[in-house]
């Protein structure tokens, strides 16, 4: 018998669960943050976010980041004030894949809704991809209701560098604040 194996501690097959608490800060996303947001999408997505930051400077959108103590964003998303005269439109919401289902998305949506209220608006609009069933449950917890679907699409960069138009169907949702 192998001596090394005999001297190993006995394992019961159980694991111990731990808990990690993070202090999070919600702030405006800035261009310098983009280098740490690769988890949110590919190069074409980050270019689109950079374009939205230019629109933020013009006051058309607010783009927020939820950050850990180091300052690194772990969630990002925007609210556009242009598409609807009487509502804010939530868009490009993303939470780092390793931190999803930890309440960070809830914090981000609440902060974006606060920005909408601060502009004197009392309604929120959003869309999510129809095949992302978990999104519907997430937004319904806030009181959003679906009212239709619409074709949507955006350019995305493929691994070989080519740009291709991604087409999808999005569910439209809204809620009064």
N, C-alpha and C. Protein backbone atom coordinates (compact mmCIF):
# COMPACT_ATOMS: atom_id res chain seq x y z
N UNK A 1 0.83 -1.18 0.00
CA UNK A 1 0.00 0.00 0.00
C UNK A 1 0.88 1.25 0.00
N UNK A 2 0.45 2.25 -0.68
CA UNK A 2 1.20 3.50 -0.77
C UNK A 2 1.15 4.25 0.57
N UNK A 3 2.32 4.51 1.12
CA UNK A 3 2.42 5.19 2.42
C UNK A 3 1.82 6.59 2.36
N UNK A 4 2.03 7.27 1.26
CA UNK A 4 1.52 8.65 1.18
C UNK A 4 0.01 8.67 1.34
N UNK A 5 -0.66 7.69 0.80
CA UNK A 5 -2.10 7.62 0.91
C UNK A 5 -2.54 7.32 2.34
N UNK A 6 -1.83 6.45 3.02
CA UNK A 6 -2.18 6.10 4.39
C UNK A 6 -2.08 7.30 5.32
N UNK A 7 -1.17 8.19 5.06
CA UNK A 7 -0.96 9.32 5.95
C UNK A 7 -1.83 10.54 5.62
N UNK A 8 -2.66 10.44 4.61
CA UNK A 8 -3.53 11.56 4.24
C UNK A 8 -4.68 11.65 5.23
N UNK A 9 -5.13 12.85 5.53
CA UNK A 9 -6.27 12.97 6.44
C UNK A 9 -7.52 12.37 5.80
N UNK A 10 -8.36 11.79 6.64
CA UNK A 10 -9.62 11.23 6.17
C UNK A 10 -10.54 12.37 5.74
N UNK A 11 -11.26 12.17 4.64
CA UNK A 11 -12.20 13.18 4.14
C UNK A 11 -13.60 12.61 4.22
N UNK A 12 -14.50 13.41 4.69
CA UNK A 12 -15.86 12.91 4.89
C UNK A 12 -16.74 13.06 3.66
N UNK A 13 -16.30 13.79 2.67
CA UNK A 13 -17.12 13.99 1.49
C UNK A 13 -18.02 15.21 1.61
N UNK A 14 -17.92 15.93 2.70
CA UNK A 14 -18.72 17.14 2.86
C UNK A 14 -17.85 18.36 2.61
N UNK A 15 -18.50 19.44 2.29
CA UNK A 15 -17.76 20.69 2.10
C UNK A 15 -18.32 21.73 3.05
N UNK A 16 -17.50 22.68 3.33
CA UNK A 16 -17.92 23.79 4.18
C UNK A 16 -18.23 24.97 3.27
N UNK A 17 -19.37 25.58 3.49
CA UNK A 17 -19.72 26.75 2.71
C UNK A 17 -19.32 27.98 3.49
N UNK A 18 -18.85 28.97 2.76
CA UNK A 18 -18.47 30.23 3.37
C UNK A 18 -19.30 31.35 2.80
N UNK A 19 -19.08 32.51 3.32
CA UNK A 19 -19.80 33.68 2.87
C UNK A 19 -18.80 34.81 2.67
N UNK A 20 -18.98 35.52 1.58
CA UNK A 20 -18.12 36.67 1.29
C UNK A 20 -19.01 37.90 1.23
N UNK A 21 -18.60 38.94 1.89
CA UNK A 21 -19.33 40.20 1.87
C UNK A 21 -18.46 41.24 1.17
N UNK A 22 -19.07 41.92 0.20
CA UNK A 22 -18.36 42.97 -0.52
C UNK A 22 -19.03 44.31 -0.28
N UNK A 23 -18.25 45.33 -0.10
CA UNK A 23 -18.79 46.69 -0.09
C UNK A 23 -18.82 47.15 -1.53
N UNK A 24 -19.99 47.55 -2.00
CA UNK A 24 -20.14 47.96 -3.39
C UNK A 24 -20.48 49.44 -3.45
N UNK A 25 -19.99 50.08 -4.49
CA UNK A 25 -20.26 51.49 -4.73
C UNK A 25 -20.87 51.62 -6.12
N UNK A 26 -21.94 52.39 -6.23
CA UNK A 26 -22.53 52.70 -7.53
C UNK A 26 -22.09 54.10 -7.90
N UNK A 27 -21.53 54.22 -9.10
CA UNK A 27 -21.06 55.52 -9.58
C UNK A 27 -21.19 55.56 -11.09
N UNK A 28 -20.95 56.74 -11.66
CA UNK A 28 -20.96 56.86 -13.11
C UNK A 28 -19.80 56.05 -13.70
N UNK A 29 -20.08 55.34 -14.77
CA UNK A 29 -19.04 54.64 -15.51
C UNK A 29 -18.20 55.68 -16.25
N UNK A 30 -16.90 55.52 -16.26
CA UNK A 30 -16.01 56.44 -16.99
C UNK A 30 -15.20 55.64 -18.01
N UNK A 31 -14.71 56.34 -19.00
CA UNK A 31 -13.98 55.70 -20.10
C UNK A 31 -12.84 54.80 -19.59
N UNK A 32 -12.16 55.21 -18.53
CA UNK A 32 -11.05 54.43 -18.00
C UNK A 32 -11.49 53.06 -17.47
N UNK A 33 -12.77 52.93 -17.13
CA UNK A 33 -13.30 51.66 -16.64
C UNK A 33 -13.39 50.60 -17.73
N UNK A 34 -13.49 51.01 -18.98
CA UNK A 34 -13.75 50.06 -20.06
C UNK A 34 -12.70 48.96 -20.15
N UNK A 35 -11.47 49.27 -19.80
CA UNK A 35 -10.40 48.25 -19.85
C UNK A 35 -10.69 47.09 -18.91
N UNK A 36 -11.52 47.32 -17.88
CA UNK A 36 -11.84 46.27 -16.91
C UNK A 36 -13.23 45.68 -17.12
N UNK A 37 -13.86 46.00 -18.25
CA UNK A 37 -15.23 45.54 -18.51
C UNK A 37 -15.32 44.52 -19.62
N UNK A 38 -14.22 43.86 -19.97
CA UNK A 38 -14.24 42.86 -21.03
C UNK A 38 -15.19 41.72 -20.76
N UNK A 39 -15.49 41.45 -19.51
CA UNK A 39 -16.45 40.41 -19.13
C UNK A 39 -17.86 40.71 -19.63
N UNK A 40 -18.16 41.99 -19.94
CA UNK A 40 -19.52 42.38 -20.32
C UNK A 40 -19.82 42.15 -21.80
N UNK A 41 -18.80 41.93 -22.61
CA UNK A 41 -19.00 41.71 -24.04
C UNK A 41 -17.71 41.90 -24.80
N UNK A 42 -17.76 41.64 -26.09
CA UNK A 42 -16.57 41.73 -26.93
C UNK A 42 -16.21 43.16 -27.30
N UNK A 43 -15.24 43.30 -28.19
CA UNK A 43 -14.76 44.63 -28.59
C UNK A 43 -15.85 45.54 -29.16
N UNK A 44 -16.76 44.98 -29.95
CA UNK A 44 -17.80 45.84 -30.52
C UNK A 44 -18.77 46.31 -29.44
N UNK A 45 -19.01 45.48 -28.44
CA UNK A 45 -19.86 45.90 -27.32
C UNK A 45 -19.19 47.04 -26.54
N UNK A 46 -17.91 46.88 -26.26
CA UNK A 46 -17.20 47.92 -25.52
C UNK A 46 -17.12 49.21 -26.31
N UNK A 47 -17.03 49.12 -27.63
CA UNK A 47 -17.06 50.32 -28.48
C UNK A 47 -18.42 50.99 -28.37
N UNK A 48 -19.48 50.19 -28.33
CA UNK A 48 -20.83 50.75 -28.17
C UNK A 48 -20.97 51.43 -26.81
N UNK A 49 -20.43 50.83 -25.76
CA UNK A 49 -20.48 51.43 -24.44
C UNK A 49 -19.71 52.76 -24.45
N UNK A 50 -18.56 52.78 -25.11
CA UNK A 50 -17.79 54.03 -25.22
C UNK A 50 -18.62 55.12 -25.89
N UNK A 51 -19.37 54.75 -26.92
CA UNK A 51 -20.26 55.71 -27.57
C UNK A 51 -21.33 56.22 -26.64
N UNK A 52 -21.84 55.35 -25.77
CA UNK A 52 -22.85 55.77 -24.81
C UNK A 52 -22.26 56.71 -23.77
N UNK A 53 -20.99 56.55 -23.45
CA UNK A 53 -20.35 57.48 -22.52
C UNK A 53 -20.27 58.88 -23.12
N UNK A 54 -20.10 58.97 -24.44
CA UNK A 54 -20.14 60.28 -25.10
C UNK A 54 -21.53 60.88 -24.99
N UNK A 55 -22.55 60.05 -25.15
CA UNK A 55 -23.93 60.52 -25.00
C UNK A 55 -24.19 60.94 -23.55
N UNK A 56 -23.55 60.27 -22.59
CA UNK A 56 -23.71 60.64 -21.19
C UNK A 56 -23.17 62.05 -20.95
N UNK A 57 -22.06 62.38 -21.59
CA UNK A 57 -21.51 63.73 -21.46
C UNK A 57 -22.49 64.78 -21.97
N UNK A 58 -23.31 64.40 -22.94
CA UNK A 58 -24.31 65.32 -23.50
C UNK A 58 -25.61 65.31 -22.69
N UNK A 59 -25.70 64.47 -21.66
CA UNK A 59 -26.89 64.42 -20.82
C UNK A 59 -28.03 63.58 -21.36
N UNK A 60 -27.77 62.84 -22.44
CA UNK A 60 -28.83 62.00 -23.03
C UNK A 60 -29.02 60.69 -22.29
N UNK A 61 -27.97 60.19 -21.66
CA UNK A 61 -28.03 58.94 -20.92
C UNK A 61 -27.25 59.09 -19.61
N UNK A 62 -27.56 58.23 -18.67
CA UNK A 62 -26.73 58.03 -17.49
C UNK A 62 -26.22 56.60 -17.60
N UNK A 63 -24.94 56.41 -17.42
CA UNK A 63 -24.36 55.07 -17.51
C UNK A 63 -23.64 54.81 -16.19
N UNK A 64 -24.06 53.77 -15.50
CA UNK A 64 -23.55 53.50 -14.16
C UNK A 64 -22.69 52.25 -14.09
N UNK A 65 -21.88 52.21 -13.05
CA UNK A 65 -21.06 51.03 -12.74
C UNK A 65 -21.25 50.71 -11.27
N UNK A 66 -21.39 49.42 -10.97
CA UNK A 66 -21.35 48.94 -9.60
C UNK A 66 -19.94 48.40 -9.41
N UNK A 67 -19.23 48.94 -8.43
CA UNK A 67 -17.80 48.64 -8.29
C UNK A 67 -17.46 48.03 -6.93
N UNK A 68 -16.47 47.14 -6.95
CA UNK A 68 -15.90 46.57 -5.73
C UNK A 68 -14.91 47.58 -5.14
N UNK A 69 -14.40 47.34 -3.93
CA UNK A 69 -13.51 48.33 -3.30
C UNK A 69 -12.30 48.75 -4.13
N UNK A 70 -11.80 47.88 -4.98
CA UNK A 70 -10.65 48.26 -5.82
C UNK A 70 -11.04 49.28 -6.88
N UNK A 71 -12.34 49.46 -7.09
CA UNK A 71 -12.83 50.37 -8.13
C UNK A 71 -13.21 49.67 -9.40
N UNK A 72 -12.95 48.37 -9.50
CA UNK A 72 -13.28 47.63 -10.71
C UNK A 72 -14.78 47.42 -10.82
N UNK A 73 -15.34 47.71 -11.99
CA UNK A 73 -16.77 47.47 -12.20
C UNK A 73 -17.10 45.98 -12.25
N UNK A 74 -18.19 45.60 -11.56
CA UNK A 74 -18.68 44.23 -11.61
C UNK A 74 -20.09 44.19 -12.20
N UNK A 75 -20.65 45.35 -12.49
CA UNK A 75 -21.94 45.46 -13.17
C UNK A 75 -21.97 46.84 -13.83
N UNK A 76 -22.57 46.89 -15.02
CA UNK A 76 -22.71 48.16 -15.73
C UNK A 76 -24.07 48.20 -16.40
N UNK A 77 -24.54 49.40 -16.66
CA UNK A 77 -25.80 49.55 -17.38
C UNK A 77 -26.18 51.01 -17.50
N UNK A 78 -27.06 51.25 -18.46
CA UNK A 78 -27.44 52.63 -18.72
C UNK A 78 -28.94 52.85 -18.71
N UNK A 79 -29.29 54.12 -18.63
CA UNK A 79 -30.67 54.55 -18.81
C UNK A 79 -30.64 55.67 -19.85
N UNK A 80 -31.40 55.49 -20.91
CA UNK A 80 -31.48 56.43 -22.02
C UNK A 80 -32.74 57.27 -21.85
N UNK A 81 -32.59 58.59 -21.95
CA UNK A 81 -33.71 59.49 -21.76
C UNK A 81 -34.27 60.02 -23.08
N UNK A 82 -33.76 59.53 -24.20
CA UNK A 82 -34.18 60.03 -25.51
C UNK A 82 -35.36 59.27 -26.13
N UNK A 83 -35.39 57.93 -26.09
CA UNK A 83 -36.43 57.22 -26.84
C UNK A 83 -37.87 57.53 -26.41
N UNK A 84 -38.08 57.84 -25.13
CA UNK A 84 -39.42 58.10 -24.60
C UNK A 84 -39.40 59.45 -23.89
N UNK A 85 -40.36 60.30 -24.22
CA UNK A 85 -40.42 61.62 -23.59
C UNK A 85 -40.79 61.52 -22.11
N UNK A 86 -41.53 60.48 -21.74
CA UNK A 86 -42.04 60.38 -20.38
C UNK A 86 -41.46 59.20 -19.59
N UNK A 87 -40.37 58.61 -20.07
CA UNK A 87 -39.81 57.43 -19.40
C UNK A 87 -38.32 57.32 -19.64
N UNK A 88 -37.66 56.62 -18.73
CA UNK A 88 -36.27 56.23 -18.95
C UNK A 88 -36.24 54.82 -19.52
N UNK A 89 -35.28 54.56 -20.40
CA UNK A 89 -35.16 53.27 -21.07
C UNK A 89 -33.88 52.59 -20.61
N UNK A 90 -34.01 51.49 -19.85
CA UNK A 90 -32.84 50.75 -19.38
C UNK A 90 -32.24 49.94 -20.52
N UNK A 91 -30.91 49.93 -20.62
CA UNK A 91 -30.25 49.21 -21.71
C UNK A 91 -28.85 48.79 -21.30
N UNK A 92 -28.33 47.79 -22.00
CA UNK A 92 -26.98 47.26 -21.83
C UNK A 92 -26.64 46.91 -20.39
N UNK A 93 -27.58 46.33 -19.67
CA UNK A 93 -27.31 45.91 -18.29
C UNK A 93 -26.53 44.60 -18.31
N UNK A 94 -25.47 44.55 -17.52
CA UNK A 94 -24.64 43.35 -17.45
C UNK A 94 -24.02 43.25 -16.06
N UNK A 95 -23.99 42.03 -15.54
CA UNK A 95 -23.33 41.73 -14.27
C UNK A 95 -22.25 40.70 -14.57
N UNK A 96 -21.10 40.88 -13.96
CA UNK A 96 -20.00 39.93 -14.16
C UNK A 96 -20.55 38.51 -13.98
N UNK A 97 -20.25 37.59 -14.93
CA UNK A 97 -20.81 36.24 -14.86
C UNK A 97 -20.56 35.51 -13.54
N UNK A 98 -19.43 35.73 -12.91
CA UNK A 98 -19.13 35.04 -11.65
C UNK A 98 -19.91 35.60 -10.47
N UNK A 99 -20.54 36.76 -10.66
CA UNK A 99 -21.25 37.40 -9.55
C UNK A 99 -22.75 37.54 -9.78
N UNK A 100 -23.26 36.86 -10.79
CA UNK A 100 -24.69 36.91 -11.03
C UNK A 100 -25.44 36.18 -9.93
N UNK A 101 -26.66 36.61 -9.69
CA UNK A 101 -27.54 36.05 -8.66
C UNK A 101 -27.02 36.31 -7.25
N UNK A 102 -26.34 37.44 -7.09
CA UNK A 102 -25.85 37.85 -5.77
C UNK A 102 -26.48 39.16 -5.32
N UNK A 103 -27.44 39.67 -6.08
CA UNK A 103 -28.09 40.94 -5.72
C UNK A 103 -27.48 42.17 -6.36
N UNK A 104 -26.43 41.99 -7.15
CA UNK A 104 -25.76 43.14 -7.76
C UNK A 104 -26.63 43.74 -8.86
N UNK A 105 -27.30 42.91 -9.65
CA UNK A 105 -28.21 43.41 -10.68
C UNK A 105 -29.36 44.20 -10.06
N UNK A 106 -29.86 43.73 -8.93
CA UNK A 106 -30.92 44.44 -8.22
C UNK A 106 -30.45 45.82 -7.80
N UNK A 107 -29.24 45.90 -7.28
CA UNK A 107 -28.66 47.19 -6.89
C UNK A 107 -28.53 48.12 -8.10
N UNK A 108 -28.08 47.58 -9.23
CA UNK A 108 -27.91 48.38 -10.44
C UNK A 108 -29.25 48.91 -10.94
N UNK A 109 -30.26 48.05 -11.02
CA UNK A 109 -31.58 48.50 -11.50
C UNK A 109 -32.15 49.56 -10.58
N UNK A 110 -32.03 49.37 -9.26
CA UNK A 110 -32.54 50.37 -8.32
C UNK A 110 -31.84 51.72 -8.51
N UNK A 111 -30.53 51.70 -8.73
CA UNK A 111 -29.79 52.95 -8.94
C UNK A 111 -30.21 53.63 -10.24
N UNK A 112 -30.42 52.85 -11.29
CA UNK A 112 -30.87 53.41 -12.56
C UNK A 112 -32.28 54.00 -12.42
N UNK A 113 -33.15 53.30 -11.70
CA UNK A 113 -34.49 53.83 -11.47
C UNK A 113 -34.43 55.13 -10.66
N UNK A 114 -33.49 55.24 -9.72
CA UNK A 114 -33.32 56.49 -8.97
C UNK A 114 -32.94 57.63 -9.91
N UNK A 115 -32.09 57.35 -10.90
CA UNK A 115 -31.71 58.37 -11.88
C UNK A 115 -32.93 58.82 -12.68
N UNK A 116 -33.82 57.89 -13.00
CA UNK A 116 -35.04 58.23 -13.73
C UNK A 116 -35.92 59.15 -12.89
N UNK A 117 -36.11 58.79 -11.63
CA UNK A 117 -36.91 59.61 -10.72
C UNK A 117 -36.31 61.01 -10.57
N UNK A 118 -34.98 61.07 -10.51
CA UNK A 118 -34.32 62.37 -10.31
C UNK A 118 -34.55 63.32 -11.48
N UNK A 119 -34.96 62.79 -12.62
CA UNK A 119 -35.29 63.63 -13.78
C UNK A 119 -36.79 63.91 -13.86
N UNK A 120 -37.50 63.54 -12.81
CA UNK A 120 -38.93 63.82 -12.76
C UNK A 120 -39.79 62.88 -13.57
N UNK A 121 -39.25 61.74 -13.96
CA UNK A 121 -40.01 60.77 -14.75
C UNK A 121 -40.54 59.67 -13.82
N UNK A 122 -41.65 59.08 -14.20
CA UNK A 122 -42.26 58.08 -13.33
C UNK A 122 -42.53 56.75 -14.03
N UNK A 123 -41.84 56.51 -15.15
CA UNK A 123 -42.03 55.25 -15.88
C UNK A 123 -40.68 54.76 -16.40
N UNK A 124 -40.55 53.42 -16.45
CA UNK A 124 -39.33 52.78 -16.95
C UNK A 124 -39.73 51.82 -18.07
N UNK A 125 -38.94 51.80 -19.12
CA UNK A 125 -39.10 50.87 -20.24
C UNK A 125 -37.81 50.06 -20.35
N UNK A 126 -37.92 48.83 -20.85
CA UNK A 126 -36.73 48.02 -21.12
C UNK A 126 -37.10 46.93 -22.10
N UNK A 127 -36.08 46.28 -22.62
CA UNK A 127 -36.22 45.10 -23.47
C UNK A 127 -35.21 44.07 -23.01
N UNK A 128 -35.58 42.81 -23.17
CA UNK A 128 -34.62 41.73 -22.95
C UNK A 128 -34.84 40.69 -24.04
N UNK A 129 -33.79 39.94 -24.33
CA UNK A 129 -33.90 38.92 -25.37
C UNK A 129 -34.87 37.82 -24.93
N UNK A 130 -35.80 37.52 -25.81
CA UNK A 130 -36.88 36.58 -25.53
C UNK A 130 -36.37 35.22 -25.01
N UNK A 131 -35.24 34.75 -25.53
CA UNK A 131 -34.74 33.44 -25.12
C UNK A 131 -34.09 33.45 -23.74
N UNK A 132 -33.92 34.60 -23.14
CA UNK A 132 -33.33 34.73 -21.80
C UNK A 132 -34.44 34.71 -20.74
N UNK A 133 -35.02 33.55 -20.51
CA UNK A 133 -36.20 33.44 -19.64
C UNK A 133 -35.94 33.94 -18.23
N UNK A 134 -34.74 33.79 -17.73
CA UNK A 134 -34.43 34.25 -16.37
C UNK A 134 -34.59 35.76 -16.22
N UNK A 135 -34.38 36.49 -17.31
CA UNK A 135 -34.52 37.94 -17.24
C UNK A 135 -35.96 38.34 -16.92
N UNK A 136 -36.90 37.63 -17.50
CA UNK A 136 -38.31 37.96 -17.25
C UNK A 136 -38.62 37.86 -15.76
N UNK A 137 -38.23 36.76 -15.12
CA UNK A 137 -38.48 36.59 -13.69
C UNK A 137 -37.79 37.69 -12.88
N UNK A 138 -36.56 38.04 -13.26
CA UNK A 138 -35.81 39.09 -12.57
C UNK A 138 -36.59 40.40 -12.60
N UNK A 139 -37.02 40.82 -13.78
CA UNK A 139 -37.72 42.10 -13.91
C UNK A 139 -39.13 42.04 -13.32
N UNK A 140 -39.79 40.92 -13.39
CA UNK A 140 -41.12 40.81 -12.79
C UNK A 140 -41.06 41.00 -11.27
N UNK A 141 -39.95 40.61 -10.65
CA UNK A 141 -39.79 40.84 -9.20
C UNK A 141 -39.84 42.33 -8.87
N UNK A 142 -39.42 43.18 -9.78
CA UNK A 142 -39.48 44.63 -9.59
C UNK A 142 -40.86 45.20 -9.89
N UNK A 143 -41.73 44.41 -10.52
CA UNK A 143 -43.04 44.90 -10.91
C UNK A 143 -43.17 45.25 -12.38
N UNK A 144 -42.17 44.91 -13.19
CA UNK A 144 -42.26 45.16 -14.63
C UNK A 144 -43.26 44.19 -15.24
N UNK A 145 -43.99 44.65 -16.25
CA UNK A 145 -44.91 43.79 -16.98
C UNK A 145 -44.57 43.82 -18.46
N UNK A 146 -44.68 42.67 -19.08
CA UNK A 146 -44.42 42.55 -20.52
C UNK A 146 -45.63 43.06 -21.28
N UNK A 147 -45.38 43.72 -22.42
CA UNK A 147 -46.51 44.22 -23.21
C UNK A 147 -46.32 43.97 -24.70
N UNK A 148 -45.27 43.29 -25.11
CA UNK A 148 -45.10 43.00 -26.53
C UNK A 148 -43.71 42.49 -26.83
N UNK A 149 -43.50 42.19 -28.11
CA UNK A 149 -42.18 41.79 -28.58
C UNK A 149 -41.83 42.64 -29.79
N UNK A 150 -40.54 42.73 -30.06
CA UNK A 150 -40.07 43.54 -31.17
C UNK A 150 -38.78 42.92 -31.71
N UNK A 151 -38.59 42.90 -33.03
CA UNK A 151 -37.29 42.44 -33.56
C UNK A 151 -36.21 43.45 -33.18
N UNK A 152 -35.03 42.95 -32.90
CA UNK A 152 -33.92 43.83 -32.53
C UNK A 152 -32.64 43.22 -33.08
N UNK A 153 -31.57 43.94 -33.00
CA UNK A 153 -30.28 43.44 -33.46
C UNK A 153 -29.18 44.45 -33.23
N UNK A 154 -27.98 43.97 -33.32
CA UNK A 154 -26.80 44.81 -33.16
C UNK A 154 -25.62 44.11 -33.80
N UNK A 155 -24.61 44.90 -34.08
CA UNK A 155 -23.39 44.35 -34.67
C UNK A 155 -22.56 43.70 -33.58
N UNK A 156 -21.97 42.56 -33.91
CA UNK A 156 -21.05 41.91 -32.99
C UNK A 156 -19.83 41.43 -33.76
N UNK A 157 -18.70 41.43 -33.07
CA UNK A 157 -17.46 41.00 -33.70
C UNK A 157 -17.27 39.50 -33.47
N UNK A 158 -17.03 38.78 -34.56
CA UNK A 158 -16.80 37.34 -34.48
C UNK A 158 -15.35 37.07 -34.09
N UNK A 159 -15.04 35.86 -33.64
CA UNK A 159 -13.66 35.54 -33.24
C UNK A 159 -12.62 35.81 -34.34
N UNK A 160 -13.03 35.69 -35.62
CA UNK A 160 -12.08 35.94 -36.70
C UNK A 160 -11.97 37.42 -37.05
N UNK A 161 -12.67 38.29 -36.30
CA UNK A 161 -12.57 39.73 -36.51
C UNK A 161 -13.67 40.32 -37.38
N UNK A 162 -14.39 39.48 -38.11
CA UNK A 162 -15.48 40.00 -38.94
C UNK A 162 -16.61 40.53 -38.08
N UNK A 163 -17.32 41.52 -38.61
CA UNK A 163 -18.50 42.06 -37.94
C UNK A 163 -19.73 41.43 -38.57
N UNK A 164 -20.62 40.95 -37.72
CA UNK A 164 -21.85 40.31 -38.19
C UNK A 164 -23.03 40.91 -37.44
N UNK A 165 -24.14 41.04 -38.10
CA UNK A 165 -25.35 41.54 -37.48
C UNK A 165 -26.03 40.41 -36.72
N UNK A 166 -26.19 40.59 -35.42
CA UNK A 166 -26.89 39.63 -34.57
C UNK A 166 -28.35 40.04 -34.55
N UNK A 167 -29.25 39.10 -34.86
CA UNK A 167 -30.69 39.39 -34.88
C UNK A 167 -31.38 38.57 -33.80
N UNK A 168 -32.34 39.19 -33.15
CA UNK A 168 -33.05 38.53 -32.06
C UNK A 168 -34.45 39.11 -31.93
N UNK A 169 -35.23 38.54 -31.07
CA UNK A 169 -36.55 39.07 -30.70
C UNK A 169 -36.45 39.49 -29.23
N UNK A 170 -36.90 40.69 -28.94
CA UNK A 170 -36.86 41.18 -27.56
C UNK A 170 -38.27 41.38 -27.02
N UNK A 171 -38.41 41.07 -25.76
CA UNK A 171 -39.65 41.30 -25.03
C UNK A 171 -39.58 42.71 -24.46
N UNK A 172 -40.65 43.47 -24.66
CA UNK A 172 -40.74 44.82 -24.12
C UNK A 172 -41.43 44.78 -22.77
N UNK A 173 -40.87 45.48 -21.79
CA UNK A 173 -41.45 45.54 -20.46
C UNK A 173 -41.48 46.99 -20.00
N UNK A 174 -42.39 47.26 -19.06
CA UNK A 174 -42.44 48.61 -18.47
C UNK A 174 -42.94 48.51 -17.04
N UNK A 175 -42.71 49.61 -16.35
CA UNK A 175 -43.20 49.71 -14.98
C UNK A 175 -43.32 51.18 -14.60
N UNK A 176 -44.30 51.47 -13.78
CA UNK A 176 -44.44 52.80 -13.22
C UNK A 176 -43.64 52.88 -11.94
N UNK A 177 -43.01 54.02 -11.72
CA UNK A 177 -42.21 54.20 -10.50
C UNK A 177 -43.03 54.90 -9.43
